């Protein structure tokens, strides 16, 4: 009598390490909201930056340990929506927009909706877009612009009655930039393992020193410059294409 063939049983489960980092990022976004509700705005913005660090690590850890999964991709997107779409918008609203009424709600919602649409478009274009560029401002960078602005304003004691107006414009702009067609460098072509000149090494160390000395100012300026780089790079590339067609 023939023995029955053994069927391979596919075990269901999730990879622990990368999803643990994603959970940490999700908790940081949640903690940012609860801190803002309690009036601890500096803690809230620091929590958003911690979420950025954990969000940057989970994908790299998954690739290094060969633990990528479709579940991880979708879980990461839901975490990003909370930490970089909802959290910065709510923190900004509670900090500066309450007195604006419906205008404040509108600005906060523009950022939240922009984050949701940005993540949905990113997931739909996985595997088809140019790996060198992101289409639209990445949601972590958009959140960093708002968090950096709040942190800088708190640290330097800026009058909330004055800074709430540029904050309103900034929040709407980050939401619109996330759903724009502007191209942003993904920095995936940067080879960190390769050798660099001594001048580059000194420049990197000086840059880190500046960030450590004034993190609230430097982080805001760095991510603001990145947000502005999208329109600038896109316009330069478009101009070059037009010049190439004329030749």
C-alpha atoms as a PDB file:
ATOM      1  CA  UNK A   1       0.000   0.000   0.000  1.00  0.00           C
ATOM      2  CA  UNK A   2       1.443   3.318  -1.033  1.00  0.00           C
ATOM      3  CA  UNK A   3       2.174   5.825   1.708  1.00  0.00           C
ATOM      4  CA  UNK A   4       0.214   9.061   1.463  1.00  0.00           C
ATOM      5  CA  UNK A   5       2.245  11.933   0.156  1.00  0.00           C
ATOM      6  CA  UNK A   6       3.234  14.493   2.737  1.00  0.00           C
ATOM      7  CA  UNK A   7       1.794  17.865   1.942  1.00  0.00           C
ATOM      8  CA  UNK A   8       3.913  20.901   2.647  1.00  0.00           C
ATOM      9  CA  UNK A   9       2.144  23.057   5.197  1.00  0.00           C
ATOM     10  CA  UNK A  10       2.737  26.784   4.814  1.00  0.00           C
ATOM     11  CA  UNK A  11       2.949  28.365   8.204  1.00  0.00           C
ATOM     12  CA  UNK A  12       1.223  31.655   8.615  1.00  0.00           C
ATOM     13  CA  UNK A  13       2.812  34.391  10.654  1.00  0.00           C
ATOM     14  CA  UNK A  14       4.652  37.683  10.551  1.00  0.00           C
ATOM     15  CA  UNK A  15       8.299  38.576  10.905  1.00  0.00           C
ATOM     16  CA  UNK A  16       8.882  39.951  14.377  1.00  0.00           C
ATOM     17  CA  UNK A  17      11.862  42.302  14.120  1.00  0.00           C
ATOM     18  CA  UNK A  18      10.865  44.692  11.288  1.00  0.00           C
ATOM     19  CA  UNK A  19       7.237  44.767  12.418  1.00  0.00           C
ATOM     20  CA  UNK A  20       8.372  45.483  15.972  1.00  0.00           C
ATOM     21  CA  UNK A  21      10.160  48.588  14.684  1.00  0.00           C
ATOM     22  CA  UNK A  22       7.036  49.560  12.735  1.00  0.00           C
ATOM     23  CA  UNK A  23       4.996  49.166  15.914  1.00  0.00           C
ATOM     24  CA  UNK A  24       7.467  51.436  17.692  1.00  0.00           C
ATOM     25  CA  UNK A  25       6.974  54.080  14.996  1.00  0.00           C
ATOM     26  CA  UNK A  26       3.198  53.704  15.285  1.00  0.00           C
ATOM     27  CA  UNK A  27       3.363  54.105  19.065  1.00  0.00           C
ATOM     28  CA  UNK A  28       5.556  57.204  18.707  1.00  0.00           C
ATOM     29  CA  UNK A  29       2.940  58.816  16.464  1.00  0.00           C
ATOM     30  CA  UNK A  30       0.191  57.890  18.911  1.00  0.00           C
ATOM     31  CA  UNK A  31       2.268  59.223  21.817  1.00  0.00           C
ATOM     32  CA  UNK A  32       2.807  62.496  19.936  1.00  0.00           C
ATOM     33  CA  UNK A  33      -0.969  63.010  19.760  1.00  0.00           C
ATOM     34  CA  UNK A  34      -1.552  62.183  23.434  1.00  0.00           C
ATOM     35  CA  UNK A  35       1.331  64.463  24.454  1.00  0.00           C
ATOM     36  CA  UNK A  36      -0.117  67.348  22.441  1.00  0.00           C
ATOM     37  CA  UNK A  37      -3.534  66.831  24.043  1.00  0.00           C
ATOM     38  CA  UNK A  38      -1.779  67.169  27.406  1.00  0.00           C
ATOM     39  CA  UNK A  39      -0.033  70.353  26.281  1.00  0.00           C
ATOM     40  CA  UNK A  40       3.440  68.744  26.078  1.00  0.00           C
ATOM     41  CA  UNK A  41       4.197  69.946  22.564  1.00  0.00           C
ATOM     42  CA  UNK A  42       7.981  69.597  22.705  1.00  0.00           C
ATOM     43  CA  UNK A  43       7.595  65.940  23.712  1.00  0.00           C
ATOM     44  CA  UNK A  44       5.095  65.525  20.877  1.00  0.00           C
ATOM     45  CA  UNK A  45       7.434  66.782  18.161  1.00  0.00           C
ATOM     46  CA  UNK A  46      10.357  64.738  19.487  1.00  0.00           C
ATOM     47  CA  UNK A  47       8.102  61.659  19.339  1.00  0.00           C
ATOM     48  CA  UNK A  48       7.433  62.400  15.650  1.00  0.00           C
ATOM     49  CA  UNK A  49      11.176  62.514  14.936  1.00  0.00           C
ATOM     50  CA  UNK A  50      11.631  59.223  16.818  1.00  0.00           C
ATOM     51  CA  UNK A  51       8.899  57.739  14.606  1.00  0.00           C
ATOM     52  CA  UNK A  52      10.917  58.898  11.577  1.00  0.00           C
ATOM     53  CA  UNK A  53      14.022  57.093  12.807  1.00  0.00           C
ATOM     54  CA  UNK A  54      12.120  53.864  13.476  1.00  0.00           C
ATOM     55  CA  UNK A  55      10.326  54.122  10.125  1.00  0.00           C
ATOM     56  CA  UNK A  56      13.691  54.425   8.373  1.00  0.00           C
ATOM     57  CA  UNK A  57      15.044  51.392  10.212  1.00  0.00           C
ATOM     58  CA  UNK A  58      12.228  48.894   9.686  1.00  0.00           C
ATOM     59  CA  UNK A  59      12.619  48.681   5.913  1.00  0.00           C
ATOM     60  CA  UNK A  60      16.398  48.433   6.104  1.00  0.00           C
ATOM     61  CA  UNK A  61      16.226  45.737   8.762  1.00  0.00           C
ATOM     62  CA  UNK A  62      13.716  43.791   6.657  1.00  0.00           C
ATOM     63  CA  UNK A  63      16.040  43.922   3.639  1.00  0.00           C
ATOM     64  CA  UNK A  64      19.156  43.023   5.626  1.00  0.00           C
ATOM     65  CA  UNK A  65      17.461  40.050   7.311  1.00  0.00           C
ATOM     66  CA  UNK A  66      15.499  39.049   4.179  1.00  0.00           C
ATOM     67  CA  UNK A  67      12.204  39.368   6.059  1.00  0.00           C
ATOM     68  CA  UNK A  68      10.241  41.519   3.603  1.00  0.00           C
ATOM     69  CA  UNK A  69       6.551  40.706   3.314  1.00  0.00           C
ATOM     70  CA  UNK A  70       3.367  42.189   1.874  1.00  0.00           C
ATOM     71  CA  UNK A  71       2.004  42.376   5.419  1.00  0.00           C
ATOM     72  CA  UNK A  72       4.986  44.492   6.446  1.00  0.00           C
ATOM     73  CA  UNK A  73       4.467  46.864   3.517  1.00  0.00           C
ATOM     74  CA  UNK A  74       0.809  47.457   4.356  1.00  0.00           C
ATOM     75  CA  UNK A  75       1.472  47.712   8.103  1.00  0.00           C
ATOM     76  CA  UNK A  76       4.211  50.258   7.447  1.00  0.00           C
ATOM     77  CA  UNK A  77       1.809  52.380   5.386  1.00  0.00           C
ATOM     78  CA  UNK A  78      -0.809  52.375   8.156  1.00  0.00           C
ATOM     79  CA  UNK A  79       1.874  53.343  10.663  1.00  0.00           C
ATOM     80  CA  UNK A  80       3.075  56.154   8.388  1.00  0.00           C
ATOM     81  CA  UNK A  81      -0.471  57.455   8.045  1.00  0.00           C
ATOM     82  CA  UNK A  82      -0.775  57.735  11.817  1.00  0.00           C
ATOM     83  CA  UNK A  83       2.706  59.051  12.584  1.00  0.00           C
ATOM     84  CA  UNK A  84       3.226  61.387   9.612  1.00  0.00           C
ATOM     85  CA  UNK A  85      -0.289  62.172   8.404  1.00  0.00           C
ATOM     86  CA  UNK A  86      -2.557  62.388  11.443  1.00  0.00           C
ATOM     87  CA  UNK A  87      -0.104  63.100  14.274  1.00  0.00           C
ATOM     88  CA  UNK A  88       1.666  66.234  12.920  1.00  0.00           C
ATOM     89  CA  UNK A  89      -1.638  67.705  11.729  1.00  0.00           C
ATOM     90  CA  UNK A  90      -3.281  67.232  15.126  1.00  0.00           C
ATOM     91  CA  UNK A  91      -0.229  68.485  17.021  1.00  0.00           C
ATOM     92  CA  UNK A  92      -0.125  71.578  14.823  1.00  0.00           C
ATOM     93  CA  UNK A  93      -3.862  72.138  15.244  1.00  0.00           C
ATOM     94  CA  UNK A  94      -3.730  71.862  19.037  1.00  0.00           C
ATOM     95  CA  UNK A  95      -0.647  74.091  19.201  1.00  0.00           C
ATOM     96  CA  UNK A  96      -1.597  76.915  16.843  1.00  0.00           C
ATOM     97  CA  UNK A  97      -4.861  76.458  14.941  1.00  0.00           C
ATOM     98  CA  UNK A  98      -7.563  76.284  17.625  1.00  0.00           C
ATOM     99  CA  UNK A  99      -8.170  80.034  17.376  1.00  0.00           C
ATOM    100  CA  UNK A 100      -8.550  79.843  13.581  1.00  0.00           C
ATOM    101  CA  UNK A 101     -11.754  77.820  13.782  1.00  0.00           C
ATOM    102  CA  UNK A 102     -12.713  76.203  10.466  1.00  0.00           C
ATOM    103  CA  UNK A 103      -9.616  77.569   8.719  1.00  0.00           C
ATOM    104  CA  UNK A 104      -7.436  75.694  11.207  1.00  0.00           C
ATOM    105  CA  UNK A 105      -9.427  72.493  10.697  1.00  0.00           C
ATOM    106  CA  UNK A 106      -9.086  72.905   6.947  1.00  0.00           C
ATOM    107  CA  UNK A 107      -5.297  73.347   7.091  1.00  0.00           C
ATOM    108  CA  UNK A 108      -4.835  70.340   9.386  1.00  0.00           C
ATOM    109  CA  UNK A 109      -7.073  68.206   7.179  1.00  0.00           C
ATOM    110  CA  UNK A 110      -5.187  69.206   4.012  1.00  0.00           C
ATOM    111  CA  UNK A 111      -2.004  67.773   5.535  1.00  0.00           C
ATOM    112  CA  UNK A 112      -3.787  64.615   6.730  1.00  0.00           C
ATOM    113  CA  UNK A 113      -5.509  64.016   3.387  1.00  0.00           C
ATOM    114  CA  UNK A 114      -2.268  64.736   1.535  1.00  0.00           C
ATOM    115  CA  UNK A 115      -0.516  62.089   3.611  1.00  0.00           C
ATOM    116  CA  UNK A 116      -3.237  59.524   2.897  1.00  0.00           C
ATOM    117  CA  UNK A 117      -3.242  60.196  -0.851  1.00  0.00           C
ATOM    118  CA  UNK A 118       0.567  60.201  -0.969  1.00  0.00           C
ATOM    119  CA  UNK A 119       0.786  56.777   0.688  1.00  0.00           C
ATOM    120  CA  UNK A 120      -1.988  55.326  -1.490  1.00  0.00           C
ATOM    121  CA  UNK A 121      -0.235  56.528  -4.657  1.00  0.00           C
ATOM    122  CA  UNK A 122       3.114  55.209  -3.438  1.00  0.00           C
ATOM    123  CA  UNK A 123       1.663  51.734  -2.798  1.00  0.00           C
ATOM    124  CA  UNK A 124      -0.051  51.711  -6.196  1.00  0.00           C
ATOM    125  CA  UNK A 125       3.186  52.632  -7.996  1.00  0.00           C
ATOM    126  CA  UNK A 126       5.513  50.186  -6.226  1.00  0.00           C
ATOM    127  CA  UNK A 127       7.656  48.435  -8.825  1.00  0.00           C
ATOM    128  CA  UNK A 128       6.782  50.829 -11.649  1.00  0.00           C
ATOM    129  CA  UNK A 129       8.205  54.206 -10.622  1.00  0.00           C
ATOM    130  CA  UNK A 130      11.764  55.514 -10.936  1.00  0.00           C
ATOM    131  CA  UNK A 131      13.704  54.362  -7.868  1.00  0.00           C
ATOM    132  CA  UNK A 132      15.908  57.456  -7.981  1.00  0.00           C
ATOM    133  CA  UNK A 133      13.020  59.803  -7.219  1.00  0.00           C
ATOM    134  CA  UNK A 134       9.873  60.026  -5.135  1.00  0.00           C
ATOM    135  CA  UNK A 135       6.776  61.499  -6.742  1.00  0.00           C
ATOM    136  CA  UNK A 136       5.571  64.071  -4.254  1.00  0.00           C
ATOM    137  CA  UNK A 137       7.083  65.014  -0.913  1.00  0.00           C
ATOM    138  CA  UNK A 138       7.510  61.879   1.269  1.00  0.00           C
ATOM    139  CA  UNK A 139       5.198  61.954   4.289  1.00  0.00           C
ATOM    140  CA  UNK A 140       8.013  61.617   6.896  1.00  0.00           C
ATOM    141  CA  UNK A 141       9.735  64.699   5.440  1.00  0.00           C
ATOM    142  CA  UNK A 142       6.440  66.627   5.412  1.00  0.00           C
ATOM    143  CA  UNK A 143       5.871  65.711   9.061  1.00  0.00           C
ATOM    144  CA  UNK A 144       9.443  66.755   9.905  1.00  0.00           C
ATOM    145  CA  UNK A 145       8.855  70.227   8.433  1.00  0.00           C
ATOM    146  CA  UNK A 146       5.874  70.806  10.736  1.00  0.00           C
ATOM    147  CA  UNK A 147       7.471  69.174  13.770  1.00  0.00           C
ATOM    148  CA  UNK A 148      10.698  71.134  13.244  1.00  0.00           C
ATOM    149  CA  UNK A 149       8.795  74.415  12.961  1.00  0.00           C
ATOM    150  CA  UNK A 150       6.923  73.775  16.219  1.00  0.00           C
ATOM    151  CA  UNK A 151      10.096  72.679  18.024  1.00  0.00           C
ATOM    152  CA  UNK A 152      12.047  75.725  16.822  1.00  0.00           C
ATOM    153  CA  UNK A 153       9.229  78.082  17.823  1.00  0.00           C
ATOM    154  CA  UNK A 154       8.958  76.551  21.286  1.00  0.00           C
ATOM    155  CA  UNK A 155      12.705  76.529  21.875  1.00  0.00           C
ATOM    156  CA  UNK A 156      13.109  80.188  20.907  1.00  0.00           C
ATOM    157  CA  UNK A 157       9.920  81.394  22.565  1.00  0.00           C
ATOM    158  CA  UNK A 158       8.284  82.793  19.432  1.00  0.00           C
ATOM    159  CA  UNK A 159       4.925  84.483  19.948  1.00  0.00           C
ATOM    160  CA  UNK A 160       2.223  81.999  18.966  1.00  0.00           C
ATOM    161  CA  UNK A 161      -0.068  84.829  17.830  1.00  0.00           C
ATOM    162  CA  UNK A 162       2.529  85.691  15.174  1.00  0.00           C
ATOM    163  CA  UNK A 163       3.900  82.303  14.071  1.00  0.00           C
ATOM    164  CA  UNK A 164       0.455  80.716  13.706  1.00  0.00           C
ATOM    165  CA  UNK A 165       0.022  82.441  10.332  1.00  0.00           C
ATOM    166  CA  UNK A 166       3.173  81.020   8.681  1.00  0.00           C
ATOM    167  CA  UNK A 167       2.319  77.718  10.399  1.00  0.00           C
ATOM    168  CA  UNK A 168      -1.057  77.715   8.629  1.00  0.00           C
ATOM    169  CA  UNK A 169       0.579  78.295   5.233  1.00  0.00           C
ATOM    170  CA  UNK A 170       3.281  75.722   5.942  1.00  0.00           C
ATOM    171  CA  UNK A 171       0.747  73.041   6.885  1.00  0.00           C
ATOM    172  CA  UNK A 172      -1.278  73.559   3.707  1.00  0.00           C
ATOM    173  CA  UNK A 173       1.888  73.549   1.597  1.00  0.00           C
ATOM    174  CA  UNK A 174       3.157  70.255   3.033  1.00  0.00           C
ATOM    175  CA  UNK A 175      -0.197  68.644   2.293  1.00  0.00           C
ATOM    176  CA  UNK A 176      -0.205  69.889  -1.289  1.00  0.00           C
ATOM    177  CA  UNK A 177       3.443  68.972  -1.886  1.00  0.00           C
ATOM    178  CA  UNK A 178       2.740  65.375  -0.845  1.00  0.00           C
ATOM    179  CA  UNK A 179       0.189  64.987  -3.644  1.00  0.00           C
ATOM    180  CA  UNK A 180       2.138  67.012  -6.195  1.00  0.00           C
ATOM    181  CA  UNK A 181       4.034  65.600  -9.171  1.00  0.00           C
ATOM    182  CA  UNK A 182       7.291  67.215  -8.090  1.00  0.00           C
ATOM    183  CA  UNK A 183      10.253  64.859  -8.003  1.00  0.00           C
ATOM    184  CA  UNK A 184      12.243  64.383  -4.821  1.00  0.00           C
ATOM    185  CA  UNK A 185      15.531  62.546  -4.610  1.00  0.00           C
ATOM    186  CA  UNK A 186      15.269  59.179  -2.861  1.00  0.00           C
ATOM    187  CA  UNK A 187      19.045  59.122  -2.139  1.00  0.00           C
ATOM    188  CA  UNK A 188      19.030  55.429  -3.082  1.00  0.00           C
ATOM    189  CA  UNK A 189      21.984  56.008  -5.379  1.00  0.00           C
ATOM    190  CA  UNK A 190      24.166  57.109  -2.474  1.00  0.00           C
ATOM    191  CA  UNK A 191      26.805  54.453  -1.741  1.00  0.00           C
ATOM    192  CA  UNK A 192      27.570  54.683   1.971  1.00  0.00           C
ATOM    193  CA  UNK A 193      29.976  51.745   1.808  1.00  0.00           C
ATOM    194  CA  UNK A 194      32.286  53.391  -0.680  1.00  0.00           C
ATOM    195  CA  UNK A 195      35.284  55.579   0.050  1.00  0.00           C
ATOM    196  CA  UNK A 196      34.964  59.354   0.221  1.00  0.00           C
ATOM    197  CA  UNK A 197      37.476  62.174   0.217  1.00  0.00           C
ATOM    198  CA  UNK A 198      38.803  63.669   3.430  1.00  0.00           C
ATOM    199  CA  UNK A 199      36.932  66.911   2.671  1.00  0.00           C
ATOM    200  CA  UNK A 200      33.593  65.064   2.482  1.00  0.00           C
ATOM    201  CA  UNK A 201      34.295  63.327   5.797  1.00  0.00           C
ATOM    202  CA  UNK A 202      35.034  66.671   7.473  1.00  0.00           C
ATOM    203  CA  UNK A 203      31.885  68.214   5.959  1.00  0.00           C
ATOM    204  CA  UNK A 204      29.744  65.350   7.279  1.00  0.00           C
ATOM    205  CA  UNK A 205      31.221  65.669  10.773  1.00  0.00           C
ATOM    206  CA  UNK A 206      30.667  69.438  10.781  1.00  0.00           C
ATOM    207  CA  UNK A 207      27.102  68.930   9.618  1.00  0.00           C
ATOM    208  CA  UNK A 208      26.441  66.477  12.452  1.00  0.00           C
ATOM    209  CA  UNK A 209      27.995  68.921  14.913  1.00  0.00           C
ATOM    210  CA  UNK A 210      25.653  71.709  13.739  1.00  0.00           C
ATOM    211  CA  UNK A 211      22.626  69.421  14.041  1.00  0.00           C
ATOM    212  CA  UNK A 212      23.602  68.337  17.549  1.00  0.00           C
ATOM    213  CA  UNK A 213      24.238  71.941  18.638  1.00  0.00           C
ATOM    214  CA  UNK A 214      20.883  73.296  17.408  1.00  0.00           C
ATOM    215  CA  UNK A 215      18.717  70.294  16.494  1.00  0.00           C
ATOM    216  CA  UNK A 216      15.430  72.201  16.425  1.00  0.00           C
ATOM    217  CA  UNK A 217      16.746  74.801  13.942  1.00  0.00           C
ATOM    218  CA  UNK A 218      18.894  72.521  11.796  1.00  0.00           C
ATOM    219  CA  UNK A 219      16.292  69.774  11.401  1.00  0.00           C
ATOM    220  CA  UNK A 220      13.668  72.307  10.351  1.00  0.00           C
ATOM    221  CA  UNK A 221      16.006  73.961   7.832  1.00  0.00           C
ATOM    222  CA  UNK A 222      17.220  70.630   6.406  1.00  0.00           C
ATOM    223  CA  UNK A 223      13.727  69.275   5.802  1.00  0.00           C
ATOM    224  CA  UNK A 224      12.440  72.638   4.594  1.00  0.00           C
ATOM    225  CA  UNK A 225      15.265  72.725   2.046  1.00  0.00           C
ATOM    226  CA  UNK A 226      14.339  69.186   0.975  1.00  0.00           C
ATOM    227  CA  UNK A 227      10.688  70.233   0.570  1.00  0.00           C
ATOM    228  CA  UNK A 228      11.726  73.177  -1.599  1.00  0.00           C
ATOM    229  CA  UNK A 229      14.123  71.018  -3.633  1.00  0.00           C
ATOM    230  CA  UNK A 230      11.250  69.150  -5.302  1.00  0.00           C
ATOM    231  CA  UNK A 231       9.838  72.090  -7.282  1.00  0.00           C
ATOM    232  CA  UNK A 232      13.347  73.351  -8.044  1.00  0.00           C
ATOM    233  CA  UNK A 233      14.648  69.991  -9.337  1.00  0.00           C
ATOM    234  CA  UNK A 234      11.471  69.368 -11.344  1.00  0.00           C
ATOM    235  CA  UNK A 235      11.613  72.776 -13.015  1.00  0.00           C
ATOM    236  CA  UNK A 236      15.306  72.339 -13.876  1.00  0.00           C
ATOM    237  CA  UNK A 237      14.669  68.899 -15.382  1.00  0.00           C
ATOM    238  CA  UNK A 238      11.717  70.238 -17.386  1.00  0.00           C
ATOM    239  CA  UNK A 239      13.787  73.132 -18.673  1.00  0.00           C
ATOM    240  CA  UNK A 240      16.533  70.750 -19.810  1.00  0.00           C
ATOM    241  CA  UNK A 241      14.018  68.585 -21.650  1.00  0.00           C
ATOM    242  CA  UNK A 242      12.624  71.596 -23.487  1.00  0.00           C
ATOM    243  CA  UNK A 243      16.131  72.714 -24.453  1.00  0.00           C
ATOM    244  CA  UNK A 244      16.964  69.191 -25.665  1.00  0.00           C
ATOM    245  CA  UNK A 245      13.864  69.111 -27.886  1.00  0.00           C
ATOM    246  CA  UNK A 246      14.794  72.421 -29.502  1.00  0.00           C
ATOM    247  CA  UNK A 247      18.259  71.127 -30.475  1.00  0.00           C
END
